[in-house]
Amino acid sequence: MTGKIIAVCKSEKKGTAKTEADSIVLRPEHGIVGDAHAGNWHRQVSLLSLESIEEFMARGAEVEFGAFGENIIVEGFDLKTLPVGTRFKIGEAILELTQIGKECHTHCAIFHQVGDCIMPREGVFTVVIEGGLVKAGDEVELIEADSNKSFTAAWITLSDKGSAGEREDISGPLIGEILSAAGYDVVEGLLLPDEPERLKAELVRLADQRQVNIIFTTGGTGMSPRDMTPEATTAVCDRMTPGIAEAIRAYSMTKTPKAMLSRGAAGMRGRTLIINLPGSPKAVRECLEYILEPLEHGLSIMLDRDGDCFLKTNRL
């Protein structure tokens, strides 16, 4: 499938509108040279379809290219329907889709003018895999997401003291280390206070916009009034997977009878599996090492991949 670049835009300062440019230069692990939002993160270059802009303008709004904060306007793709991992080849440059839409914290000028903005739901974000010069008129080749790539993962630590800088977070980074060693592609790690609404928002973002395959939380599963991780997890899930949480508790009971007090849950939101782990680094390691092998089979089924243990095959 191919499309075409209609316009390219950039802004030199954050908080200012992007303006149309003759061309842009893409740099790997950076983004657009000279653009204020470039950097080593997952939202280096934003794309918006011409069709979305034209539909918005048909409602009576007059907008210039770049007004929604988009870097590249493309024709021929319904961007919001493409899965994370899709690649766009533009000449020698290659972009990889990392996020669908985004939450808008500070509404743009367009929103204040007409009461709506399409970027949060129609725009997509990419990282630069291969660099090059990009300009209007260039052909865009769509490369489907690799169905055999490693499972993507994220971790979230829930800790009031940790988020306040009063305690070092060991458990969250440990999850990342164990998953990376097992062959997972760990795309994010977060440290949050024990606030269920904040946790729900991040779980929804990681599942819906970043389409992460599996999310592990650590902390907030006990009986303290502030321990609300299971409630937040249950609230965002479409289907629960009680066997995982039961297996974690049963195995933990062989280590300490206090494991019966854990209220951790596990469930699915779309094609993202969310699992609550205990808070201590020791328990995190023990539980992960116990459940990782059967999880590979479950993830393969959830994602319609081969039922064989994908990660083991991938490590050979």
Protein backbone atom coordinates (compact mmCIF):
# COMPACT_ATOMS: atom_id res chain seq x y z
CA MET A 1 0.00 0.00 0.00
CA THR A 2 1.33 3.43 -0.91
CA GLY A 3 0.41 7.02 -0.18
CA LYS A 4 1.90 10.46 -0.64
CA ILE A 5 3.36 13.25 1.50
CA ILE A 6 1.21 16.37 1.15
CA ALA A 7 3.16 18.67 3.45
CA VAL A 8 5.85 18.65 6.17
CA CYS A 9 5.89 20.96 9.19
CA LYS A 10 8.01 21.74 12.23
CA SER A 11 8.31 24.21 15.10
CA GLU A 12 11.49 25.46 16.72
CA LYS A 13 9.88 26.10 20.12
CA LYS A 14 7.46 24.03 22.19
CA GLY A 15 4.08 25.63 22.67
CA THR A 16 4.12 27.28 19.25
CA ALA A 17 2.25 26.15 16.14
CA LYS A 18 4.10 24.09 13.57
CA THR A 19 4.60 25.77 10.21
CA GLU A 20 4.98 24.29 6.76
CA ALA A 21 8.53 23.73 5.53
CA ASP A 22 10.04 22.90 2.14
CA SER A 23 11.56 19.73 3.57
CA ILE A 24 12.58 18.08 6.83
CA VAL A 25 15.55 15.93 7.80
CA LEU A 26 14.88 12.81 9.87
CA ARG A 27 17.56 11.52 12.22
CA PRO A 28 17.45 8.08 13.91
CA GLU A 29 16.80 8.09 17.69
CA HIS A 30 16.09 11.81 17.46
CA GLY A 31 13.30 12.82 15.10
CA ILE A 32 13.20 15.94 12.94
CA VAL A 33 16.35 18.05 12.94
CA GLY A 34 15.42 21.48 14.27
CA ASP A 35 12.01 20.49 15.66
CA ALA A 36 11.31 21.30 19.31
CA HIS A 37 9.71 17.90 20.01
CA ALA A 38 12.63 15.84 18.75
CA GLY A 39 14.44 13.63 21.24
CA ASN A 40 15.13 10.07 22.26
CA TRP A 41 11.54 9.13 23.10
CA HIS A 42 8.57 7.37 21.46
CA ARG A 43 6.81 10.41 19.96
CA GLN A 44 9.49 11.85 17.71
CA VAL A 45 7.43 12.53 14.56
CA SER A 46 3.66 13.01 14.33
CA LEU A 47 1.53 12.14 11.31
CA LEU A 48 -1.99 13.18 10.34
CA SER A 49 -3.94 12.17 7.25
CA LEU A 50 -5.12 14.70 4.67
CA GLU A 51 -8.49 12.98 4.68
CA SER A 52 -8.93 13.72 8.40
CA ILE A 53 -8.03 17.38 7.87
CA GLU A 54 -10.41 17.74 4.92
CA GLU A 55 -13.24 16.14 6.90
CA PHE A 56 -12.59 18.58 9.74
CA MET A 57 -12.54 21.55 7.35
CA ALA A 58 -15.84 20.42 5.80
CA ARG A 59 -17.44 21.36 9.11
CA GLY A 60 -16.58 25.01 8.44
CA ALA A 61 -13.14 25.34 10.03
CA GLU A 62 -10.22 26.98 8.20
CA VAL A 63 -6.85 25.52 9.20
CA GLU A 64 -3.30 25.65 7.93
CA PHE A 65 -1.05 22.61 7.71
CA GLY A 66 0.65 22.14 11.08
CA ALA A 67 -2.18 23.74 13.04
CA PHE A 68 -2.96 20.49 14.88
CA GLY A 69 0.69 19.96 15.81
CA GLU A 70 1.36 17.43 13.05
CA ASN A 71 4.78 17.09 11.41
CA ILE A 72 3.77 15.16 8.31
CA ILE A 73 0.49 15.24 6.39
CA VAL A 74 -0.06 12.10 4.34
CA GLU A 75 -2.68 11.07 1.82
CA GLY A 76 -3.96 7.57 1.26
CA PHE A 77 -3.97 6.02 4.77
CA ASP A 78 -6.50 5.81 7.58
CA LEU A 79 -3.73 6.21 10.14
CA LYS A 80 -5.79 5.64 13.28
CA THR A 81 -6.66 2.09 12.18
CA LEU A 82 -3.04 0.97 11.72
CA PRO A 83 -1.46 -1.18 14.46
CA VAL A 84 1.55 -0.05 16.47
CA GLY A 85 4.65 -1.44 14.77
CA THR A 86 3.55 -0.43 11.26
CA ARG A 87 6.38 1.18 9.31
CA PHE A 88 6.37 3.96 6.72
CA LYS A 89 9.14 4.03 4.10
CA ILE A 90 9.77 7.44 2.55
CA GLY A 91 12.75 7.32 0.23
CA GLU A 92 15.64 6.17 2.40
CA ALA A 93 13.84 7.13 5.62
CA ILE A 94 11.80 4.69 7.71
CA LEU A 95 9.36 5.62 10.50
CA GLU A 96 7.79 3.14 12.93
CA LEU A 97 4.37 3.73 14.48
CA THR A 98 4.56 3.81 18.30
CA GLN A 99 1.31 5.41 19.49
CA ILE A 100 -2.23 6.08 18.26
CA GLY A 101 -3.56 9.47 19.34
CA LYS A 102 -2.76 11.18 22.62
CA GLU A 103 -4.36 12.86 25.58
CA CYS A 104 -4.56 16.63 25.13
CA HIS A 105 -3.68 18.36 28.41
CA THR A 106 -3.50 21.93 27.07
CA HIS A 107 -5.93 22.51 24.24
CA CYS A 108 -4.52 24.02 21.05
CA ALA A 109 -5.71 27.19 19.34
CA ILE A 110 -7.90 25.15 16.98
CA PHE A 111 -9.77 23.61 19.91
CA HIS A 112 -10.41 27.01 21.44
CA GLN A 113 -11.70 28.31 18.09
CA VAL A 114 -14.10 25.50 17.16
CA GLY A 115 -14.33 23.34 20.29
CA ASP A 116 -12.63 20.30 18.78
CA CYS A 117 -9.23 18.99 17.66
CA ILE A 118 -8.63 15.85 15.61
CA MET A 119 -5.02 15.19 16.63
CA PRO A 120 -5.82 13.40 19.94
CA ARG A 121 -7.91 10.76 18.12
CA GLU A 122 -6.79 10.87 14.46
CA GLY A 123 -3.06 11.57 14.71
CA VAL A 124 -0.32 8.98 15.18
CA PHE A 125 3.24 9.13 16.48
CA THR A 126 6.40 7.48 15.21
CA VAL A 127 10.10 7.05 15.85
CA VAL A 128 12.79 7.36 13.20
CA ILE A 129 14.38 4.01 12.31
CA GLU A 130 16.32 5.20 9.25
CA GLY A 131 17.06 8.85 8.51
CA GLY A 132 16.76 10.89 5.35
CA LEU A 133 15.30 13.94 3.64
CA VAL A 134 11.49 14.10 3.40
CA LYS A 135 9.43 16.60 1.40
CA ALA A 136 5.98 17.12 -0.07
CA GLY A 137 5.30 14.86 -3.04
CA ASP A 138 7.38 11.94 -1.73
CA GLU A 139 5.78 8.51 -2.00
CA VAL A 140 5.06 6.66 1.26
CA GLU A 141 5.16 2.88 1.33
CA LEU A 142 3.32 1.18 4.18
CA ILE A 143 5.08 -1.86 5.65
CA GLU A 144 2.86 -4.05 7.83
CA ALA A 145 3.82 -4.64 11.46
CA ASP A 146 6.00 -7.71 11.98
CA SER A 147 3.80 -10.34 13.61
CA ASN A 148 6.89 -12.27 14.75
CA LYS A 149 8.51 -9.47 16.72
CA SER A 150 9.12 -9.75 20.46
CA PHE A 151 6.25 -9.15 22.84
CA THR A 152 6.14 -5.55 24.06
CA ALA A 153 5.91 -4.84 27.79
CA ALA A 154 5.66 -2.02 30.30
CA TRP A 155 5.90 -1.81 34.08
CA ILE A 156 4.31 0.54 36.61
CA THR A 157 5.38 0.92 40.24
CA LEU A 158 2.75 2.22 42.68
CA SER A 159 4.35 3.92 45.68
CA ASP A 160 3.56 7.19 47.43
CA LYS A 161 7.03 7.38 48.96
CA GLY A 162 8.76 6.31 45.77
CA SER A 163 6.98 8.90 43.63
CA ALA A 164 7.84 11.56 46.22
CA GLY A 165 11.53 10.66 46.04
CA GLU A 166 11.59 9.33 49.60
CA ARG A 167 12.32 5.72 48.62
CA GLU A 168 14.26 4.17 45.75
CA ASP A 169 12.15 2.15 43.35
CA ILE A 170 13.85 -1.22 42.96
CA SER A 171 10.90 -3.42 41.98
CA GLY A 172 9.89 -1.61 38.78
CA PRO A 173 13.35 -1.55 37.17
CA LEU A 174 13.80 -5.17 38.26
CA ILE A 175 10.70 -6.13 36.27
CA GLY A 176 12.22 -4.39 33.26
CA GLU A 177 15.53 -6.23 33.66
CA ILE A 178 13.90 -9.65 33.98
CA LEU A 179 11.60 -9.08 31.00
CA SER A 180 14.42 -7.77 28.79
CA ALA A 181 16.54 -10.81 29.65
CA ALA A 182 13.58 -13.02 28.70
CA GLY A 183 13.31 -11.45 25.25
CA TYR A 184 10.55 -8.89 25.80
CA ASP A 185 10.75 -5.39 24.30
CA VAL A 186 10.24 -3.17 27.36
CA VAL A 187 8.89 0.12 26.02
CA GLU A 188 8.02 2.06 29.21
CA GLY A 189 8.49 2.13 32.96
CA LEU A 190 6.55 4.43 35.28
CA LEU A 191 6.63 5.35 38.97
CA LEU A 192 3.28 6.61 40.23
CA PRO A 193 1.72 7.46 43.60
CA ASP A 194 -1.02 5.17 44.95
CA GLU A 195 -3.78 7.04 43.11
CA PRO A 196 -6.24 4.78 41.26
CA GLU A 197 -7.41 7.40 38.75
CA ARG A 198 -3.85 8.10 37.68
CA LEU A 199 -3.15 4.39 37.35
CA LYS A 200 -6.30 3.80 35.31
CA ALA A 201 -5.36 6.60 32.92
CA GLU A 202 -1.88 5.15 32.35
CA LEU A 203 -3.18 1.61 31.89
CA VAL A 204 -5.67 2.85 29.29
CA ARG A 205 -2.98 4.85 27.48
CA LEU A 206 -0.52 1.97 27.37
CA ALA A 207 -3.18 -0.50 26.24
CA ASP A 208 -5.13 1.61 23.74
CA GLN A 209 -2.63 4.11 22.37
CA ARG A 210 0.69 2.26 22.67
CA GLN A 211 -0.92 -1.19 22.26
CA VAL A 212 1.54 -2.77 24.71
CA ASN A 213 1.13 -6.56 24.85
CA ILE A 214 1.62 -6.94 28.61
CA ILE A 215 1.73 -4.54 31.56
CA PHE A 216 3.02 -5.48 35.01
CA THR A 217 2.25 -3.40 38.08
CA THR A 218 4.08 -3.69 41.38
CA GLY A 219 2.79 -2.37 44.69
CA GLY A 220 -0.62 -1.33 45.95
CA THR A 221 -2.03 -4.86 46.30
CA GLY A 222 -2.20 -5.07 50.10
CA MET A 223 -4.80 -4.08 52.68
CA SER A 224 -3.80 -0.49 53.33
CA PRO A 225 -6.49 2.12 52.57
CA ARG A 226 -4.19 3.49 49.82
CA ASP A 227 -3.71 0.07 48.17
CA MET A 228 -6.08 0.34 45.21
CA THR A 229 -4.12 -1.27 42.36
CA PRO A 230 -6.51 -4.27 41.97
CA GLU A 231 -9.54 -1.97 41.84
CA ALA A 232 -7.94 0.23 39.16
CA THR A 233 -6.91 -2.83 37.16
CA THR A 234 -10.35 -4.41 37.31
CA ALA A 235 -11.99 -1.14 36.28
CA VAL A 236 -10.11 -0.91 32.97
CA CYS A 237 -10.22 -4.59 31.99
CA ASP A 238 -12.73 -6.13 29.58
CA ARG A 239 -12.11 -9.69 30.76
CA MET A 240 -10.44 -10.99 33.88
CA THR A 241 -7.87 -13.80 34.01
CA PRO A 242 -8.25 -14.98 37.62
CA GLY A 243 -6.03 -18.03 37.17
CA ILE A 244 -2.92 -15.84 36.88
CA ALA A 245 -3.60 -13.96 40.12
CA GLU A 246 -4.53 -17.22 41.84
CA ALA A 247 -1.31 -18.88 40.67
CA ILE A 248 0.79 -15.96 41.95
CA ARG A 249 -0.88 -16.16 45.37
CA ALA A 250 -0.62 -19.93 45.54
CA TYR A 251 3.07 -19.90 44.68
CA SER A 252 3.76 -17.01 47.07
CA MET A 253 2.06 -18.97 49.85
CA THR A 254 4.88 -21.52 49.60
CA LYS A 255 7.24 -18.70 50.57
CA THR A 256 5.21 -16.96 53.28
CA PRO A 257 1.68 -17.37 54.71
CA LYS A 258 1.32 -13.58 54.54
CA ALA A 259 0.82 -13.98 50.79
CA MET A 260 -2.85 -14.74 51.57
CA LEU A 261 -3.25 -11.00 52.26
CA SER A 262 -2.37 -10.01 48.69
CA ARG A 263 -5.32 -8.82 46.60
CA GLY A 264 -3.57 -8.70 43.22
CA ALA A 265 -5.67 -9.11 40.07
CA ALA A 266 -5.03 -9.87 36.40
CA GLY A 267 -7.08 -9.22 33.28
CA MET A 268 -7.18 -8.13 29.66
CA ARG A 269 -8.01 -4.83 28.06
CA GLY A 270 -8.40 -5.59 24.37
CA ARG A 271 -5.16 -7.29 23.40
CA THR A 272 -3.21 -6.13 26.43
CA LEU A 273 -2.69 -8.37 29.45
CA ILE A 274 -2.39 -6.56 32.81
CA ILE A 275 -0.94 -8.36 35.84
CA ASN A 276 -0.53 -7.08 39.42
CA LEU A 277 2.66 -8.24 41.13
CA PRO A 278 3.56 -7.81 44.83
CA GLY A 279 5.62 -4.81 45.91
CA SER A 280 8.84 -6.32 47.24
CA PRO A 281 11.77 -6.95 44.87
CA LYS A 282 12.16 -10.51 46.21
CA ALA A 283 8.51 -11.33 45.53
CA VAL A 284 8.66 -9.67 42.11
CA ARG A 285 11.56 -11.88 41.04
CA GLU A 286 10.02 -15.06 42.45
CA CYS A 287 6.61 -14.47 40.88
CA LEU A 288 7.92 -13.42 37.48
CA GLU A 289 10.22 -16.41 37.21
CA TYR A 290 7.27 -18.65 38.09
CA ILE A 291 4.72 -17.26 35.58
CA LEU A 292 6.80 -16.14 32.57
CA GLU A 293 6.93 -19.47 30.75
CA PRO A 294 3.15 -20.17 30.69
CA LEU A 295 2.50 -16.49 29.93
CA GLU A 296 4.29 -16.86 26.58
CA HIS A 297 1.65 -19.35 25.48
CA GLY A 298 -1.18 -17.13 26.72
CA LEU A 299 0.15 -14.05 24.96
CA SER A 300 0.52 -15.97 21.70
CA ILE A 301 -3.12 -17.04 21.89
CA MET A 302 -4.32 -13.54 22.83
CA LEU A 303 -2.45 -12.02 19.87
CA ASP A 304 -3.45 -14.76 17.39
CA ARG A 305 0.14 -15.88 17.02
CA ASP A 306 1.38 -19.43 16.88
CA GLY A 307 0.61 -21.25 20.13
CA ASP A 308 4.21 -22.44 20.47
CA CYS A 309 6.50 -20.62 22.90
CA PHE A 310 7.45 -17.72 20.68
CA LEU A 311 10.08 -16.14 22.89
CA LYS A 312 12.03 -19.37 23.30
CA THR A 313 12.11 -19.82 19.53
CA ASN A 314 13.15 -16.22 19.09
CA ARG A 315 16.09 -16.62 21.49
CA LEU A 316 17.62 -19.57 19.61
